C-alpha atoms as a PDB file:
ATOM      1  CA  MET A   1      27.188   2.584   2.821  1.00  0.00           C
ATOM      2  CA  PRO A   2      24.967  -0.606   1.465  1.00  0.00           C
ATOM      3  CA  GLU A   3      21.743  -1.398   1.512  1.00  0.00           C
ATOM      4  CA  PRO A   4      20.926  -4.608   4.280  1.00  0.00           C
ATOM      5  CA  VAL A   5      19.825  -7.550   2.888  1.00  0.00           C
ATOM      6  CA  PRO A   6      17.335 -10.161   4.547  1.00  0.00           C
ATOM      7  CA  LEU A   7      18.402 -13.571   4.893  1.00  0.00           C
ATOM      8  CA  ALA A   8      16.493 -15.236   2.998  1.00  0.00           C
ATOM      9  CA  THR A   9      17.284 -13.548  -0.210  1.00  0.00           C
ATOM     10  CA  VAL A  10      20.660 -13.725   0.829  1.00  0.00           C
ATOM     11  CA  LYS A  11      20.195 -18.035   0.859  1.00  0.00           C
ATOM     12  CA  GLN A  12      18.706 -17.593  -2.874  1.00  0.00           C
ATOM     13  CA  MET A  13      21.292 -15.693  -3.808  1.00  0.00           C
ATOM     14  CA  LEU A  14      23.983 -18.188  -2.637  1.00  0.00           C
ATOM     15  CA  THR A  15      22.084 -20.778  -3.523  1.00  0.00           C
ATOM     16  CA  GLU A  16      21.835 -20.241  -7.483  1.00  0.00           C
ATOM     17  CA  GLN A  17      25.755 -19.051  -7.526  1.00  0.00           C
ATOM     18  CA  ALA A  18      26.482 -22.841  -6.141  1.00  0.00           C
ATOM     19  CA  ALA A  19      24.574 -24.069  -9.242  1.00  0.00           C
ATOM     20  CA  LEU A  20      26.403 -22.253 -11.008  1.00  0.00           C
ATOM     21  CA  ARG A  21      30.051 -22.303  -9.929  1.00  0.00           C
ATOM     22  CA  THR A  22      32.231 -23.031  -6.623  1.00  0.00           C
ATOM     23  CA  LEU A  23      31.821 -20.821  -3.810  1.00  0.00           C
ATOM     24  CA  PRO A  24      34.623 -19.444  -2.498  1.00  0.00           C
ATOM     25  CA  ARG A  25      34.648 -20.436   1.770  1.00  0.00           C
ATOM     26  CA  GLU A  26      33.153 -17.253   2.949  1.00  0.00           C
ATOM     27  CA  ALA A  27      30.713 -17.572   0.736  1.00  0.00           C
ATOM     28  CA  LEU A  28      30.363 -21.562   1.669  1.00  0.00           C
ATOM     29  CA  LEU A  29      30.032 -20.823   5.551  1.00  0.00           C
ATOM     30  CA  ALA A  30      27.635 -17.698   4.712  1.00  0.00           C
ATOM     31  CA  GLN A  31      25.346 -20.254   2.947  1.00  0.00           C
ATOM     32  CA  GLN A  32      25.356 -22.379   5.385  1.00  0.00           C
ATOM     33  CA  HIS A  33      24.444 -19.639   7.683  1.00  0.00           C
ATOM     34  CA  ALA A  34      21.967 -18.450   5.663  1.00  0.00           C
ATOM     35  CA  GLU A  35      21.034 -22.329   5.138  1.00  0.00           C
ATOM     36  CA  ALA A  36      20.017 -22.780   8.857  1.00  0.00           C
ATOM     37  CA  PHE A  37      18.398 -19.546  10.081  1.00  0.00           C
ATOM     38  CA  ALA A  38      16.577 -18.213   7.140  1.00  0.00           C
ATOM     39  CA  HIS A  39      13.315 -19.434   8.453  1.00  0.00           C
ATOM     40  CA  LEU A  40      11.196 -18.189   5.588  1.00  0.00           C
ATOM     41  CA  SER A  41      10.846 -18.062   2.256  1.00  0.00           C
ATOM     42  CA  PRO A  42      12.019 -15.421  -0.396  1.00  0.00           C
ATOM     43  CA  GLU A  43       8.580 -14.535  -0.549  1.00  0.00           C
ATOM     44  CA  ASP A  44       7.306 -14.364   2.821  1.00  0.00           C
ATOM     45  CA  THR A  45      10.112 -12.243   3.323  1.00  0.00           C
ATOM     46  CA  GLN A  46       9.090  -9.459   1.030  1.00  0.00           C
ATOM     47  CA  LYS A  47       5.025 -10.137   1.945  1.00  0.00           C
ATOM     48  CA  MET A  48       6.530  -9.700   5.816  1.00  0.00           C
ATOM     49  CA  LEU A  49       8.138  -6.617   4.927  1.00  0.00           C
ATOM     50  CA  GLY A  50       5.686  -4.756   3.324  1.00  0.00           C
ATOM     51  CA  GLU A  51       3.369  -4.864   5.912  1.00  0.00           C
ATOM     52  CA  LEU A  52       5.954  -4.157   8.336  1.00  0.00           C
ATOM     53  CA  ALA A  53       6.565  -1.136   6.295  1.00  0.00           C
ATOM     54  CA  ALA A  54       2.593  -0.476   6.394  1.00  0.00           C
ATOM     55  CA  LEU A  55       3.374  -0.277  10.398  1.00  0.00           C
ATOM     56  CA  GLY A  56       4.273   3.203   9.897  1.00  0.00           C
ATOM     57  CA  PHE A  57       7.212   2.716  12.652  1.00  0.00           C
ATOM     58  CA  VAL A  58       9.102  -0.063  11.203  1.00  0.00           C
ATOM     59  CA  SER A  59      12.497   1.267   9.302  1.00  0.00           C
ATOM     60  CA  VAL A  60      13.296  -0.831   6.676  1.00  0.00           C
ATOM     61  CA  PRO A  61      16.918  -2.169   8.395  1.00  0.00           C
ATOM     62  CA  ILE A  62      14.251  -3.045  12.050  1.00  0.00           C
ATOM     63  CA  ALA A  63      11.993  -4.885   9.328  1.00  0.00           C
ATOM     64  CA  ILE A  64      14.735  -6.704   7.978  1.00  0.00           C
ATOM     65  CA  LYS A  65      15.928  -7.979  11.483  1.00  0.00           C
ATOM     66  CA  ILE A  66      12.469  -8.592  12.057  1.00  0.00           C
ATOM     67  CA  VAL A  67      11.994 -10.706   9.566  1.00  0.00           C
ATOM     68  CA  ASP A  68      15.760 -12.492  10.105  1.00  0.00           C
ATOM     69  CA  LEU A  69      15.339 -13.372  13.274  1.00  0.00           C
ATOM     70  CA  LEU A  70      10.652 -13.297  14.769  1.00  0.00           C
ATOM     71  CA  PRO A  71      11.042 -11.922  17.403  1.00  0.00           C
ATOM     72  CA  GLN A  72       8.211 -13.996  20.171  1.00  0.00           C
ATOM     73  CA  PHE A  73       8.722 -11.814  23.190  1.00  0.00           C
ATOM     74  CA  PRO A  74       7.706  -8.087  23.976  1.00  0.00           C
ATOM     75  CA  GLU A  75      11.520  -8.324  24.652  1.00  0.00           C
ATOM     76  CA  GLU A  76      13.135  -9.364  21.927  1.00  0.00           C
ATOM     77  CA  VAL A  77      11.261  -6.125  20.353  1.00  0.00           C
ATOM     78  CA  ARG A  78      12.511  -3.541  23.107  1.00  0.00           C
ATOM     79  CA  LEU A  79      15.824  -4.360  22.014  1.00  0.00           C
ATOM     80  CA  LEU A  80      15.689  -4.337  18.268  1.00  0.00           C
ATOM     81  CA  PHE A  81      14.268  -0.916  18.514  1.00  0.00           C
ATOM     82  CA  ALA A  82      16.617   0.162  21.676  1.00  0.00           C
ATOM     83  CA  LYS A  83      18.762   2.109  19.771  1.00  0.00           C
ATOM     84  CA  GLU A  84      15.954   3.835  17.502  1.00  0.00           C
ATOM     85  CA  ARG A  85      14.880   7.135  18.129  1.00  0.00           C
ATOM     86  CA  ILE A  86      11.324   6.571  18.808  1.00  0.00           C
ATOM     87  CA  ALA A  87       9.397   4.078  22.101  1.00  0.00           C
ATOM     88  CA  LEU A  88       7.063   1.729  20.620  1.00  0.00           C
ATOM     89  CA  ASP A  89       3.314   1.802  23.550  1.00  0.00           C
ATOM     90  CA  GLU A  90       2.515  -1.968  24.214  1.00  0.00           C
ATOM     91  CA  ALA A  91       0.154  -1.819  20.743  1.00  0.00           C
ATOM     92  CA  GLN A  92       2.138  -1.486  18.085  1.00  0.00           C
ATOM     93  CA  ILE A  93       3.973  -3.344  20.175  1.00  0.00           C
ATOM     94  CA  THR A  94       0.934  -5.862  19.763  1.00  0.00           C
ATOM     95  CA  SER A  95       0.489  -5.300  16.722  1.00  0.00           C
ATOM     96  CA  LEU A  96       4.301  -6.137  16.157  1.00  0.00           C
ATOM     97  CA  LEU A  97       4.338  -9.685  16.639  1.00  0.00           C
ATOM     98  CA  GLU A  98       0.854 -10.063  15.734  1.00  0.00           C
ATOM     99  CA  LEU A  99       2.259  -9.951  12.322  1.00  0.00           C
ATOM    100  CA  VAL A 100       4.832 -11.806  12.838  1.00  0.00           C
ATOM    101  CA  ALA A 101       3.055 -14.896  14.572  1.00  0.00           C
ATOM    102  CA  ARG A 102       1.218 -14.839  11.495  1.00  0.00           C
ATOM    103  CA  TYR A 103       4.627 -15.717   9.038  1.00  0.00           C
ATOM    104  CA  ARG A 104       5.797 -18.529  12.348  1.00  0.00           C
END
């Protein structure tokens, strides 16, 4: 299975490729989506991913979803962790939301 990539990185990669050559239709659609929904810069994305990894209870795929979605409410965090084998307590959810709020 391919490694997940944050939306900010996809946006940067597609923008660089568009400067070099004409992108196919699918790549143009992906670029439009990335431009519309990537809220952080690639640098902030990497910084936030590092901070999420330091929490210890966030896996890489979930961290990427958190960076892409920037959840605001506990219910959104619970939805992201619904299929994981970890049940977050209120302190973990609060620390995660405080981290996300610093990047909003």
